[in-house]
Each structure stands twice: as C-alpha cells, then as structure tokens.
Amino acid sequence: MFAAVALSLAVSSGADPVGPTRYPPAYIPVEAPFGYLYSPAADVHLAVRLPATQYAPKAGDVLLMSNTNRLWTLAYRFALTGKPGHSGIVVAMPDGQLGILEAGYTSTTWTRLTALDYKLNQYPGSIWVRQRFVPLTPEQDARLTEFALHAADQPYATVRFLSQGTPFRTRGPIRTEFMGRPQGMRDRYLCGELVVESLVYAGLVDPQTARPSATYPQDMFYDRSRNPYIDRHPPLAGGWAPPAEWTPVVGWAVKGEELPKPPSAWLGDRPANVVYPVYSSPNKPPTPVVVGQVPGELYPVAFVEQRSQRVGLFDRPPLLRRRR
C-alpha cells in the first residue's frame, strides 16, 4: 500500500518539474522580503505568537515545512512520522543571494536551489525556521555552497523514499546505530538526508553520530525522535534555535496556499513587490523577477487560523524515553 501511494506521488509530482504550478507568481513584502518569525514554540499548530521579529536569514538556517497535500501526509504516516514532513537549508548562492536547497522541491522529484525570499512567500504549506546560533565561518559557508551546487537539479531519491515504509531502510530501533552514516556528495537525496549531509559536509554536525538517511524532518523540528538512536543524537540540538513559525505579515498565521498571489489583491498592510518567474533553460528553475509593486491596504486583513486543531497521533514524537 505504501509503495503504491508513494509511487503515484513520485510519478504525478515529477511530471512537471519546472511548470507554473511549481513556480507561481508571488507577492514579496518590500520592507520585510524574508518575512517575520513568531516566538519559538515546538508546536506544529499555527498561531500568532507575539512578539514577532523580522527574519534575518543566514546560511545554515534550517527550514522545516509542512505541505497541505493529503497524499504526502498519508505516505508519511506509513513511514511512522508526521508534521513537518519536509525540510531545506539556507545557503549562499554564487550570485550573493541567499537560497534554499531542498530535495523534493514543492512535491516534485527534484532537488532545487531557489531564491529564499521567493520560496518563503510562494510555498503552499506552513514554514518554521530553526536559526543557526553562530554564523558560519567563510570556510563553512563555502563548503555549504559547494555541496548545494553539486546537489541542485539532481533527481530525488525516489527508491529510498519508497523503502521508508518497508523493512529495507536504515531507520530502525537497532539498525540506525550501525547504518545510515554520512555518504558525502551523492546524486540523489531525501529531504532530511540532504539537510544533515550538507551540515556534515560543512563541518557543522558530527559525522560520527549523524545518520542522514535515517533522520526525518520531524526529528529536526522537536530534537526528539521515535527512533532511539536519533533521540539520543539529534543533529540540530545545541547549534540551532528552537523552531519559530514564519509569517509574511505580523498578525497572520496562515497556510501558504491561502496567501494572496497575483493577480489576486494584496491584503498586507505594507507595499509588496509583484514577482513572476522567468524561464530560461529546460529543467532549470526559473529566475524570480520583480515586475511591479502594489501598495498596502489601509486596514490589513487578519489572516489568522481560527479552526480548532487537535494534536494527532503523529504530530509529535512520544516522550516516553529520555536521552542519556
């Protein structure tokens, strides 16, 4: 069952890797192109947790994401994990901009490196940010960029994804102790694997304890895991701040699919740039280009998630075990 669901996802998601459904137009607020972060909370439920601070991204920050796609949610249930189900890492791109590297870009079967401000404001799901406490050294920064340029535009590790719901995976109560060690640069990655491998390559995570192919985004969100080994060796613990919910406008706590996008009216309280993707090379991500600007509304609309949200069985790992 899991294999059938996952395979259908892989086929349908990868059919249009750089089409308009993957790179829609977006509004990017002028004064805060990278948006804001609410107060940290290890909680996947959307809420306005004031105070909010303007997000000042830096290379090494880890983004944890949750798409609203029900089929992906079902697939992760078979892998015994839950929200958030996707991850990416902030890197410096060769042109000096900050980008985000992610395997399985927007539910496709590709690894992409895209401009961070564009990605944040067009992603159809929810985003949390774990900020790096200490900025990267020039050498660490360069190695992270080197890794990103190697991994970008490679296919997703579909076969390893299919194995996550089977006994043929590196994640298990005993096997993770001995399997799933860092492999360095390779041609295909899972999303969580990509983040941990890149951090190991940059010298930010201990290669002796890291288990990239056995680490899921949820493990990096909570610094807790259903897997005993990962629970004892959470890769981001100590070096990254707790997860903080991202928002484009203070007062909003909304899934990305509900954000206004061109040509719909912009409902923020400050001006926003209108950004459209410009395509050039086949099978390459388009370049986000500012084509205009819209003013802010006099009275902003509060896009606040009002629906009651229960804590599901998979929404957080159990806390029955304690680390060493």
C-alpha atoms as a PDB file:
ATOM      1  CA  MET A   1       0.000   0.000   0.000  1.00  0.00           C
ATOM      2  CA  PHE A   2       2.720   2.482   0.975  1.00  0.00           C
ATOM      3  CA  ALA A   3       4.725   1.713  -2.146  1.00  0.00           C
ATOM      4  CA  ALA A   4       1.676   2.261  -4.353  1.00  0.00           C
ATOM      5  CA  VAL A   5       0.850   5.596  -2.742  1.00  0.00           C
ATOM      6  CA  ALA A   6       4.450   6.791  -2.822  1.00  0.00           C
ATOM      7  CA  LEU A   7       4.964   5.715  -6.413  1.00  0.00           C
ATOM      8  CA  SER A   8       1.849   7.549  -7.554  1.00  0.00           C
ATOM      9  CA  LEU A   9       3.136  10.638  -5.779  1.00  0.00           C
ATOM     10  CA  ALA A  10       6.512  10.348  -7.409  1.00  0.00           C
ATOM     11  CA  VAL A  11       5.068   9.969 -10.894  1.00  0.00           C
ATOM     12  CA  SER A  12       2.479  12.727 -10.611  1.00  0.00           C
ATOM     13  CA  SER A  13       4.766  15.162  -8.783  1.00  0.00           C
ATOM     14  CA  GLY A  14       7.754  14.766 -11.062  1.00  0.00           C
ATOM     15  CA  ALA A  15       5.862  15.119 -14.347  1.00  0.00           C
ATOM     16  CA  ASP A  16       6.115  18.920 -14.398  1.00  0.00           C
ATOM     17  CA  PRO A  17       9.329  19.806 -12.533  1.00  0.00           C
ATOM     18  CA  VAL A  18       9.524  23.475 -13.518  1.00  0.00           C
ATOM     19  CA  GLY A  19       5.972  24.241 -14.613  1.00  0.00           C
ATOM     20  CA  PRO A  20       3.838  27.157 -13.405  1.00  0.00           C
ATOM     21  CA  THR A  21       2.146  25.121 -10.668  1.00  0.00           C
ATOM     22  CA  ARG A  22       5.566  24.682  -9.030  1.00  0.00           C
ATOM     23  CA  TYR A  23       6.738  28.270  -9.543  1.00  0.00           C
ATOM     24  CA  PRO A  24       3.684  30.516  -9.219  1.00  0.00           C
ATOM     25  CA  PRO A  25       3.831  34.306  -9.079  1.00  0.00           C
ATOM     26  CA  ALA A  26       4.169  35.725  -5.587  1.00  0.00           C
ATOM     27  CA  TYR A  27       3.913  38.878  -3.531  1.00  0.00           C
ATOM     28  CA  ILE A  28       7.095  39.681  -1.593  1.00  0.00           C
ATOM     29  CA  PRO A  29       6.713  42.433   1.031  1.00  0.00           C
ATOM     30  CA  VAL A  30       9.087  45.320   0.291  1.00  0.00           C
ATOM     31  CA  GLU A  31      10.106  46.132   3.853  1.00  0.00           C
ATOM     32  CA  ALA A  32      10.428  42.529   5.013  1.00  0.00           C
ATOM     33  CA  PRO A  33      11.187  40.300   1.996  1.00  0.00           C
ATOM     34  CA  PHE A  34      12.067  37.384   4.273  1.00  0.00           C
ATOM     35  CA  GLY A  35       9.018  37.885   6.483  1.00  0.00           C
ATOM     36  CA  TYR A  36       8.842  37.556  10.257  1.00  0.00           C
ATOM     37  CA  LEU A  37       9.312  34.884  12.886  1.00  0.00           C
ATOM     38  CA  TYR A  38       6.959  34.460  15.827  1.00  0.00           C
ATOM     39  CA  SER A  39       8.192  33.432  19.247  1.00  0.00           C
ATOM     40  CA  PRO A  40       9.716  29.937  19.155  1.00  0.00           C
ATOM     41  CA  ALA A  41       7.459  27.031  20.038  1.00  0.00           C
ATOM     42  CA  ALA A  42       7.803  23.326  19.280  1.00  0.00           C
ATOM     43  CA  ASP A  43       4.217  23.221  18.087  1.00  0.00           C
ATOM     44  CA  VAL A  44       3.026  22.491  14.548  1.00  0.00           C
ATOM     45  CA  HIS A  45      -0.285  24.269  15.120  1.00  0.00           C
ATOM     46  CA  LEU A  46      -0.466  27.696  13.512  1.00  0.00           C
ATOM     47  CA  ALA A  47      -0.918  30.605  15.909  1.00  0.00           C
ATOM     48  CA  VAL A  48       0.091  34.251  16.294  1.00  0.00           C
ATOM     49  CA  ARG A  49       2.752  34.002  19.000  1.00  0.00           C
ATOM     50  CA  LEU A  50       3.878  37.551  19.677  1.00  0.00           C
ATOM     51  CA  PRO A  51       6.298  39.200  19.751  1.00  0.00           C
ATOM     52  CA  ALA A  52       7.381  38.790  16.144  1.00  0.00           C
ATOM     53  CA  THR A  53      10.810  39.709  14.824  1.00  0.00           C
ATOM     54  CA  GLN A  54      11.846  40.377  11.252  1.00  0.00           C
ATOM     55  CA  TYR A  55      13.605  37.323   9.883  1.00  0.00           C
ATOM     56  CA  ALA A  56      17.269  37.993   9.098  1.00  0.00           C
ATOM     57  CA  PRO A  57      18.313  34.728   7.432  1.00  0.00           C
ATOM     58  CA  LYS A  58      21.840  33.389   7.312  1.00  0.00           C
ATOM     59  CA  ALA A  59      23.475  30.396   5.733  1.00  0.00           C
ATOM     60  CA  GLY A  60      22.986  27.297   7.841  1.00  0.00           C
ATOM     61  CA  ASP A  61      19.438  28.092   8.944  1.00  0.00           C
ATOM     62  CA  VAL A  62      17.155  25.063   8.618  1.00  0.00           C
ATOM     63  CA  LEU A  63      13.607  25.388   7.294  1.00  0.00           C
ATOM     64  CA  LEU A  64      11.024  22.791   8.283  1.00  0.00           C
ATOM     65  CA  MET A  65       7.900  22.720   6.174  1.00  0.00           C
ATOM     66  CA  SER A  66       4.504  21.069   6.114  1.00  0.00           C
ATOM     67  CA  ASN A  67       2.548  20.901   2.893  1.00  0.00           C
ATOM     68  CA  THR A  68      -1.208  20.510   2.875  1.00  0.00           C
ATOM     69  CA  ASN A  69      -1.083  17.686   0.305  1.00  0.00           C
ATOM     70  CA  ARG A  70      -3.100  14.798   1.797  1.00  0.00           C
ATOM     71  CA  LEU A  71      -1.336  12.119  -0.218  1.00  0.00           C
ATOM     72  CA  TRP A  72       2.065  13.159   1.141  1.00  0.00           C
ATOM     73  CA  THR A  73       0.588  13.183   4.639  1.00  0.00           C
ATOM     74  CA  LEU A  74      -0.679   9.630   4.126  1.00  0.00           C
ATOM     75  CA  ALA A  75       2.695   8.498   2.804  1.00  0.00           C
ATOM     76  CA  TYR A  76       4.490   9.835   5.869  1.00  0.00           C
ATOM     77  CA  ARG A  77       2.006   8.089   8.129  1.00  0.00           C
ATOM     78  CA  PHE A  78       3.143   4.769   6.653  1.00  0.00           C
ATOM     79  CA  ALA A  79       6.728   5.789   7.464  1.00  0.00           C
ATOM     80  CA  LEU A  80       5.631   6.392  11.091  1.00  0.00           C
ATOM     81  CA  THR A  81       6.302  10.108  11.097  1.00  0.00           C
ATOM     82  CA  GLY A  82       4.217  13.267  10.941  1.00  0.00           C
ATOM     83  CA  LYS A  83       4.405  17.042  10.601  1.00  0.00           C
ATOM     84  CA  PRO A  84       6.521  18.682   9.453  1.00  0.00           C
ATOM     85  CA  GLY A  85       7.298  16.364   6.567  1.00  0.00           C
ATOM     86  CA  HIS A  86       9.721  18.472   4.542  1.00  0.00           C
ATOM     87  CA  SER A  87      12.963  20.349   5.131  1.00  0.00           C
ATOM     88  CA  GLY A  88      15.532  22.566   3.443  1.00  0.00           C
ATOM     89  CA  ILE A  89      18.656  24.516   4.309  1.00  0.00           C
ATOM     90  CA  VAL A  90      19.603  28.134   3.664  1.00  0.00           C
ATOM     91  CA  VAL A  91      22.790  28.539   1.628  1.00  0.00           C
ATOM     92  CA  ALA A  92      24.686  31.365  -0.049  1.00  0.00           C
ATOM     93  CA  MET A  93      24.249  31.205  -3.830  1.00  0.00           C
ATOM     94  CA  PRO A  94      27.072  32.148  -6.227  1.00  0.00           C
ATOM     95  CA  ASP A  95      25.399  35.475  -7.072  1.00  0.00           C
ATOM     96  CA  GLY A  96      25.488  36.523  -3.409  1.00  0.00           C
ATOM     97  CA  GLN A  97      21.792  35.939  -2.722  1.00  0.00           C
ATOM     98  CA  LEU A  98      20.561  33.546  -0.083  1.00  0.00           C
ATOM     99  CA  GLY A  99      18.799  30.489  -1.416  1.00  0.00           C
ATOM    100  CA  ILE A 100      17.211  27.354  -0.062  1.00  0.00           C
ATOM    101  CA  LEU A 101      18.362  23.886  -1.024  1.00  0.00           C
ATOM    102  CA  GLU A 102      15.725  21.173  -0.775  1.00  0.00           C
ATOM    103  CA  ALA A 103      15.204  17.664  -2.080  1.00  0.00           C
ATOM    104  CA  GLY A 104      11.649  17.103  -3.273  1.00  0.00           C
ATOM    105  CA  TYR A 105      11.036  20.741  -4.164  1.00  0.00           C
ATOM    106  CA  THR A 106       7.320  21.540  -3.790  1.00  0.00           C
ATOM    107  CA  SER A 107       6.308  17.879  -4.048  1.00  0.00           C
ATOM    108  CA  THR A 108       8.401  17.180  -7.164  1.00  0.00           C
ATOM    109  CA  THR A 109      11.028  14.501  -7.578  1.00  0.00           C
ATOM    110  CA  TRP A 110      13.858  17.012  -7.910  1.00  0.00           C
ATOM    111  CA  THR A 111      16.431  18.752  -5.735  1.00  0.00           C
ATOM    112  CA  ARG A 112      16.367  22.510  -6.279  1.00  0.00           C
ATOM    113  CA  LEU A 113      18.244  25.605  -5.158  1.00  0.00           C
ATOM    114  CA  THR A 114      15.946  28.621  -5.309  1.00  0.00           C
ATOM    115  CA  ALA A 115      15.942  32.211  -4.072  1.00  0.00           C
ATOM    116  CA  LEU A 116      14.952  32.240  -0.402  1.00  0.00           C
ATOM    117  CA  ASP A 117      12.665  35.295  -0.426  1.00  0.00           C
ATOM    118  CA  TYR A 118      10.677  33.867  -3.337  1.00  0.00           C
ATOM    119  CA  LYS A 119      10.436  30.395  -1.812  1.00  0.00           C
ATOM    120  CA  LEU A 120       9.224  31.674   1.550  1.00  0.00           C
ATOM    121  CA  ASN A 121       6.445  33.746   0.012  1.00  0.00           C
ATOM    122  CA  GLN A 122       5.148  31.200  -2.512  1.00  0.00           C
ATOM    123  CA  TYR A 123       5.343  27.930  -0.567  1.00  0.00           C
ATOM    124  CA  PRO A 124       1.840  26.375  -0.368  1.00  0.00           C
ATOM    125  CA  GLY A 125       2.225  24.985   3.164  1.00  0.00           C
ATOM    126  CA  SER A 126       3.458  26.076   6.599  1.00  0.00           C
ATOM    127  CA  ILE A 127       7.056  27.006   7.426  1.00  0.00           C
ATOM    128  CA  TRP A 128       9.101  27.004  10.624  1.00  0.00           C
ATOM    129  CA  VAL A 129      12.679  28.250  10.894  1.00  0.00           C
ATOM    130  CA  ARG A 130      15.477  26.987  13.102  1.00  0.00           C
ATOM    131  CA  GLN A 131      18.070  29.741  13.075  1.00  0.00           C
ATOM    132  CA  ARG A 132      21.746  28.969  13.396  1.00  0.00           C
ATOM    133  CA  PHE A 133      23.086  30.349  16.698  1.00  0.00           C
ATOM    134  CA  VAL A 134      26.634  31.025  15.456  1.00  0.00           C
ATOM    135  CA  PRO A 135      27.246  32.368  11.922  1.00  0.00           C
ATOM    136  CA  LEU A 136      29.231  30.132   9.615  1.00  0.00           C
ATOM    137  CA  THR A 137      32.925  30.738   9.078  1.00  0.00           C
ATOM    138  CA  PRO A 138      33.962  31.621   5.497  1.00  0.00           C
ATOM    139  CA  GLU A 139      35.229  28.071   5.021  1.00  0.00           C
ATOM    140  CA  GLN A 140      31.982  26.515   6.317  1.00  0.00           C
ATOM    141  CA  ASP A 141      29.954  28.878   4.146  1.00  0.00           C
ATOM    142  CA  ALA A 142      31.980  27.955   1.054  1.00  0.00           C
ATOM    143  CA  ARG A 143      31.648  24.231   1.700  1.00  0.00           C
ATOM    144  CA  LEU A 144      27.885  24.523   2.185  1.00  0.00           C
ATOM    145  CA  THR A 145      27.609  26.361  -1.151  1.00  0.00           C
ATOM    146  CA  GLU A 146      29.823  23.747  -2.819  1.00  0.00           C
ATOM    147  CA  PHE A 147      27.542  20.988  -1.581  1.00  0.00           C
ATOM    148  CA  ALA A 148      24.421  22.851  -2.728  1.00  0.00           C
ATOM    149  CA  LEU A 149      25.751  23.400  -6.256  1.00  0.00           C
ATOM    150  CA  HIS A 150      26.544  19.691  -6.554  1.00  0.00           C
ATOM    151  CA  ALA A 151      23.125  18.565  -5.317  1.00  0.00           C
ATOM    152  CA  ALA A 152      20.991  21.132  -7.168  1.00  0.00           C
ATOM    153  CA  ASP A 153      18.918  19.929 -10.133  1.00  0.00           C
ATOM    154  CA  GLN A 154      19.546  16.256  -9.370  1.00  0.00           C
ATOM    155  CA  PRO A 155      16.640  13.766  -9.188  1.00  0.00           C
ATOM    156  CA  TYR A 156      15.052  12.936  -5.855  1.00  0.00           C
ATOM    157  CA  ALA A 157      15.969   9.632  -4.125  1.00  0.00           C
ATOM    158  CA  THR A 158      12.651   8.036  -5.058  1.00  0.00           C
ATOM    159  CA  VAL A 159      13.775   4.446  -4.437  1.00  0.00           C
ATOM    160  CA  ARG A 160      14.967   5.277  -0.918  1.00  0.00           C
ATOM    161  CA  PHE A 161      11.736   7.148  -0.301  1.00  0.00           C
ATOM    162  CA  LEU A 162       9.748   4.085  -1.331  1.00  0.00           C
ATOM    163  CA  SER A 163      11.752   1.993   1.129  1.00  0.00           C
ATOM    164  CA  GLN A 164      10.795   4.177   4.120  1.00  0.00           C
ATOM    165  CA  GLY A 165       7.614   2.185   4.694  1.00  0.00           C
ATOM    166  CA  THR A 166       9.401  -1.169   4.446  1.00  0.00           C
ATOM    167  CA  PRO A 167      11.978  -3.128   6.491  1.00  0.00           C
ATOM    168  CA  PHE A 168      14.602  -2.149   3.877  1.00  0.00           C
ATOM    169  CA  ARG A 169      15.529   1.190   5.359  1.00  0.00           C
ATOM    170  CA  THR A 170      18.301   2.484   7.610  1.00  0.00           C
ATOM    171  CA  ARG A 171      15.863   3.748  10.235  1.00  0.00           C
ATOM    172  CA  GLY A 172      15.039   1.191  12.896  1.00  0.00           C
ATOM    173  CA  PRO A 173      15.265   0.724  16.679  1.00  0.00           C
ATOM    174  CA  ILE A 174      18.559  -1.170  16.341  1.00  0.00           C
ATOM    175  CA  ARG A 175      19.888  -0.803  12.792  1.00  0.00           C
ATOM    176  CA  THR A 176      20.314   3.002  12.897  1.00  0.00           C
ATOM    177  CA  GLU A 177      23.172   2.515  15.365  1.00  0.00           C
ATOM    178  CA  PHE A 178      25.151   0.839  12.584  1.00  0.00           C
ATOM    179  CA  MET A 179      23.555   2.052   9.331  1.00  0.00           C
ATOM    180  CA  GLY A 180      22.749   5.353   7.645  1.00  0.00           C
ATOM    181  CA  ARG A 181      26.115   7.035   8.195  1.00  0.00           C
ATOM    182  CA  PRO A 182      27.071  10.114   6.109  1.00  0.00           C
ATOM    183  CA  GLN A 183      27.872   9.358   2.486  1.00  0.00           C
ATOM    184  CA  GLY A 184      29.063  12.814   1.421  1.00  0.00           C
ATOM    185  CA  MET A 185      28.236  14.059  -2.056  1.00  0.00           C
ATOM    186  CA  ARG A 186      25.957  11.726  -3.965  1.00  0.00           C
ATOM    187  CA  ASP A 187      23.479  12.071  -6.812  1.00  0.00           C
ATOM    188  CA  ARG A 188      20.141  11.625  -5.005  1.00  0.00           C
ATOM    189  CA  TYR A 189      18.825  12.627  -1.609  1.00  0.00           C
ATOM    190  CA  LEU A 190      15.777  12.542   0.638  1.00  0.00           C
ATOM    191  CA  CYS A 191      14.891  15.937   2.110  1.00  0.00           C
ATOM    192  CA  GLY A 192      16.025  15.273   5.681  1.00  0.00           C
ATOM    193  CA  GLU A 193      19.040  13.362   4.431  1.00  0.00           C
ATOM    194  CA  LEU A 194      20.054  16.326   2.248  1.00  0.00           C
ATOM    195  CA  VAL A 195      19.990  18.751   5.182  1.00  0.00           C
ATOM    196  CA  VAL A 196      22.044  16.552   7.511  1.00  0.00           C
ATOM    197  CA  GLU A 197      24.523  15.548   4.792  1.00  0.00           C
ATOM    198  CA  SER A 198      25.085  19.209   3.891  1.00  0.00           C
ATOM    199  CA  LEU A 199      25.667  20.119   7.547  1.00  0.00           C
ATOM    200  CA  VAL A 200      28.151  17.269   7.941  1.00  0.00           C
ATOM    201  CA  TYR A 201      29.954  18.349   4.753  1.00  0.00           C
ATOM    202  CA  ALA A 202      30.202  21.924   6.046  1.00  0.00           C
ATOM    203  CA  GLY A 203      31.590  20.730   9.374  1.00  0.00           C
ATOM    204  CA  LEU A 204      28.550  21.764  11.429  1.00  0.00           C
ATOM    205  CA  VAL A 205      27.389  18.320  12.574  1.00  0.00           C
ATOM    206  CA  ASP A 206      29.470  15.459  13.983  1.00  0.00           C
ATOM    207  CA  PRO A 207      29.905  12.814  11.254  1.00  0.00           C
ATOM    208  CA  GLN A 208      30.376  10.109  13.886  1.00  0.00           C
ATOM    209  CA  THR A 209      26.879  10.488  15.307  1.00  0.00           C
ATOM    210  CA  ALA A 210      24.979  11.782  12.265  1.00  0.00           C
ATOM    211  CA  ARG A 211      22.637   9.390  10.483  1.00  0.00           C
ATOM    212  CA  PRO A 212      21.406  11.412   7.471  1.00  0.00           C
ATOM    213  CA  SER A 213      19.353   8.733   5.730  1.00  0.00           C
ATOM    214  CA  ALA A 214      17.601   7.819   8.999  1.00  0.00           C
ATOM    215  CA  THR A 215      16.748  11.399  10.020  1.00  0.00           C
ATOM    216  CA  TYR A 216      13.299  12.821   9.288  1.00  0.00           C
ATOM    217  CA  PRO A 217      12.217  16.489   9.315  1.00  0.00           C
ATOM    218  CA  GLN A 218      10.109  15.866  12.417  1.00  0.00           C
ATOM    219  CA  ASP A 219      13.261  14.770  14.277  1.00  0.00           C
ATOM    220  CA  MET A 220      14.870  18.123  13.458  1.00  0.00           C
ATOM    221  CA  PHE A 221      11.764  20.038  14.490  1.00  0.00           C
ATOM    222  CA  TYR A 222      11.477  18.624  18.020  1.00  0.00           C
ATOM    223  CA  ASP A 223      15.042  17.451  18.758  1.00  0.00           C
ATOM    224  CA  ARG A 224      13.172  14.306  19.772  1.00  0.00           C
ATOM    225  CA  SER A 225      12.538  11.179  17.765  1.00  0.00           C
ATOM    226  CA  ARG A 226      10.642   7.913  17.728  1.00  0.00           C
ATOM    227  CA  ASN A 227      13.964   6.370  16.739  1.00  0.00           C
ATOM    228  CA  PRO A 228      16.076   5.664  19.867  1.00  0.00           C
ATOM    229  CA  TYR A 229      19.401   6.481  18.228  1.00  0.00           C
ATOM    230  CA  ILE A 230      18.243   9.773  16.683  1.00  0.00           C
ATOM    231  CA  ASP A 231      16.576  10.613  20.005  1.00  0.00           C
ATOM    232  CA  ARG A 232      20.000  10.337  21.679  1.00  0.00           C
ATOM    233  CA  HIS A 233      21.811  12.214  18.884  1.00  0.00           C
ATOM    234  CA  PRO A 234      19.514  14.938  17.494  1.00  0.00           C
ATOM    235  CA  PRO A 235      21.597  16.652  14.784  1.00  0.00           C
ATOM    236  CA  LEU A 236      20.447  20.248  15.418  1.00  0.00           C
ATOM    237  CA  ALA A 237      20.426  20.258  19.231  1.00  0.00           C
ATOM    238  CA  GLY A 238      22.679  22.930  20.715  1.00  0.00           C
ATOM    239  CA  GLY A 239      23.567  24.654  17.452  1.00  0.00           C
ATOM    240  CA  TRP A 240      20.181  25.899  16.290  1.00  0.00           C
ATOM    241  CA  ALA A 241      17.395  27.879  17.964  1.00  0.00           C
ATOM    242  CA  PRO A 242      14.013  26.213  18.585  1.00  0.00           C
ATOM    243  CA  PRO A 243      11.558  26.284  15.663  1.00  0.00           C
ATOM    244  CA  ALA A 244       9.808  29.600  15.032  1.00  0.00           C
ATOM    245  CA  GLU A 245       6.723  29.874  12.847  1.00  0.00           C
ATOM    246  CA  TRP A 246       7.246  32.027   9.747  1.00  0.00           C
ATOM    247  CA  THR A 247       4.770  34.635   8.505  1.00  0.00           C
ATOM    248  CA  PRO A 248       4.917  37.264   5.732  1.00  0.00           C
ATOM    249  CA  VAL A 249       2.897  39.774   7.757  1.00  0.00           C
ATOM    250  CA  VAL A 250       2.668  40.177  11.536  1.00  0.00           C
ATOM    251  CA  GLY A 251      -0.830  39.148  12.620  1.00  0.00           C
ATOM    252  CA  TRP A 252      -1.165  36.374  10.042  1.00  0.00           C
ATOM    253  CA  ALA A 253      -0.888  32.691  10.882  1.00  0.00           C
ATOM    254  CA  VAL A 254      -1.902  31.058   7.662  1.00  0.00           C
ATOM    255  CA  LYS A 255      -1.089  28.176   5.358  1.00  0.00           C
ATOM    256  CA  GLY A 256       0.754  29.266   2.252  1.00  0.00           C
ATOM    257  CA  GLU A 257      -1.993  28.111  -0.083  1.00  0.00           C
ATOM    258  CA  GLU A 258      -4.232  30.799   1.442  1.00  0.00           C
ATOM    259  CA  LEU A 259      -1.771  33.664   0.909  1.00  0.00           C
ATOM    260  CA  PRO A 260      -2.844  36.140  -1.776  1.00  0.00           C
ATOM    261  CA  LYS A 261      -0.951  35.676  -5.030  1.00  0.00           C
ATOM    262  CA  PRO A 262      -1.033  37.727  -8.215  1.00  0.00           C
ATOM    263  CA  PRO A 263      -3.384  38.620  -9.787  1.00  0.00           C
ATOM    264  CA  SER A 264      -5.468  38.445  -6.581  1.00  0.00           C
ATOM    265  CA  ALA A 265      -5.442  41.577  -4.431  1.00  0.00           C
ATOM    266  CA  TRP A 266      -2.581  42.011  -1.972  1.00  0.00           C
ATOM    267  CA  LEU A 267      -4.007  42.312   1.551  1.00  0.00           C
ATOM    268  CA  GLY A 268      -0.907  43.164   3.559  1.00  0.00           C
ATOM    269  CA  ASP A 269      -0.510  46.432   5.441  1.00  0.00           C
ATOM    270  CA  ARG A 270       2.716  47.447   3.624  1.00  0.00           C
ATOM    271  CA  PRO A 271       3.701  47.555  -0.066  1.00  0.00           C
ATOM    272  CA  ALA A 272       4.729  44.359  -1.814  1.00  0.00           C
ATOM    273  CA  ASN A 273       6.682  43.570  -4.952  1.00  0.00           C
ATOM    274  CA  VAL A 274       4.933  41.543  -7.632  1.00  0.00           C
ATOM    275  CA  VAL A 275       7.276  38.703  -8.628  1.00  0.00           C
ATOM    276  CA  TYR A 276       6.900  36.420 -11.624  1.00  0.00           C
ATOM    277  CA  PRO A 277       9.179  33.509 -12.605  1.00  0.00           C
ATOM    278  CA  VAL A 278      11.089  33.890 -15.880  1.00  0.00           C
ATOM    279  CA  TYR A 279      12.046  30.616 -17.560  1.00  0.00           C
ATOM    280  CA  SER A 280      15.296  30.143 -19.478  1.00  0.00           C
ATOM    281  CA  SER A 281      16.924  26.697 -19.636  1.00  0.00           C
ATOM    282  CA  PRO A 282      14.948  23.433 -19.778  1.00  0.00           C
ATOM    283  CA  ASN A 283      14.676  21.576 -16.461  1.00  0.00           C
ATOM    284  CA  LYS A 284      16.198  24.539 -14.630  1.00  0.00           C
ATOM    285  CA  PRO A 285      14.353  26.637 -12.053  1.00  0.00           C
ATOM    286  CA  PRO A 286      13.139  29.981 -13.383  1.00  0.00           C
ATOM    287  CA  THR A 287      14.510  33.285 -12.131  1.00  0.00           C
ATOM    288  CA  PRO A 288      12.101  35.308  -9.942  1.00  0.00           C
ATOM    289  CA  VAL A 289      11.768  38.785 -11.444  1.00  0.00           C
ATOM    290  CA  VAL A 290      10.058  41.841  -9.917  1.00  0.00           C
ATOM    291  CA  VAL A 291       7.539  43.145 -12.450  1.00  0.00           C
ATOM    292  CA  GLY A 292       5.762  45.765 -10.334  1.00  0.00           C
ATOM    293  CA  GLN A 293       4.691  46.876  -6.900  1.00  0.00           C
ATOM    294  CA  VAL A 294       1.358  47.156  -5.117  1.00  0.00           C
ATOM    295  CA  PRO A 295       0.525  49.394  -2.135  1.00  0.00           C
ATOM    296  CA  GLY A 296      -0.524  48.079   1.242  1.00  0.00           C
ATOM    297  CA  GLU A 297      -4.125  48.217   2.385  1.00  0.00           C
ATOM    298  CA  LEU A 298      -5.113  50.883   4.905  1.00  0.00           C
ATOM    299  CA  TYR A 299      -6.720  48.222   7.122  1.00  0.00           C
ATOM    300  CA  PRO A 300      -4.917  44.904   6.866  1.00  0.00           C
ATOM    301  CA  VAL A 301      -6.914  41.711   6.878  1.00  0.00           C
ATOM    302  CA  ALA A 302      -6.003  39.413   9.769  1.00  0.00           C
ATOM    303  CA  PHE A 303      -5.422  36.031   8.167  1.00  0.00           C
ATOM    304  CA  VAL A 304      -5.489  34.049  11.388  1.00  0.00           C
ATOM    305  CA  GLU A 305      -6.074  30.325  11.527  1.00  0.00           C
ATOM    306  CA  GLN A 306      -9.295  30.040  13.549  1.00  0.00           C
ATOM    307  CA  ARG A 307     -10.184  26.381  13.106  1.00  0.00           C
ATOM    308  CA  SER A 308      -9.651  24.214  16.165  1.00  0.00           C
ATOM    309  CA  GLN A 309      -6.709  21.871  15.703  1.00  0.00           C
ATOM    310  CA  ARG A 310      -6.272  18.657  17.619  1.00  0.00           C
ATOM    311  CA  VAL A 311      -2.934  17.033  18.318  1.00  0.00           C
ATOM    312  CA  GLY A 312      -2.787  13.968  16.116  1.00  0.00           C
ATOM    313  CA  LEU A 313      -1.063  10.694  16.927  1.00  0.00           C
ATOM    314  CA  PHE A 314       1.835  11.533  14.598  1.00  0.00           C
ATOM    315  CA  ASP A 315       2.051  15.288  15.236  1.00  0.00           C
ATOM    316  CA  ARG A 316       4.810  14.919  17.790  1.00  0.00           C
ATOM    317  CA  PRO A 317       7.084  12.074  18.869  1.00  0.00           C
ATOM    318  CA  PRO A 318       6.289  10.379  22.167  1.00  0.00           C
ATOM    319  CA  LEU A 319       8.301  11.469  25.190  1.00  0.00           C
ATOM    320  CA  LEU A 320       8.406   8.089  26.905  1.00  0.00           C
ATOM    321  CA  ARG A 321      12.154   7.721  26.607  1.00  0.00           C
ATOM    322  CA  ARG A 322      14.751  10.092  27.929  1.00  0.00           C
ATOM    323  CA  ARG A 323      18.092  10.704  26.374  1.00  0.00           C
ATOM    324  CA  ARG A 324      21.263   9.640  28.138  1.00  0.00           C
END
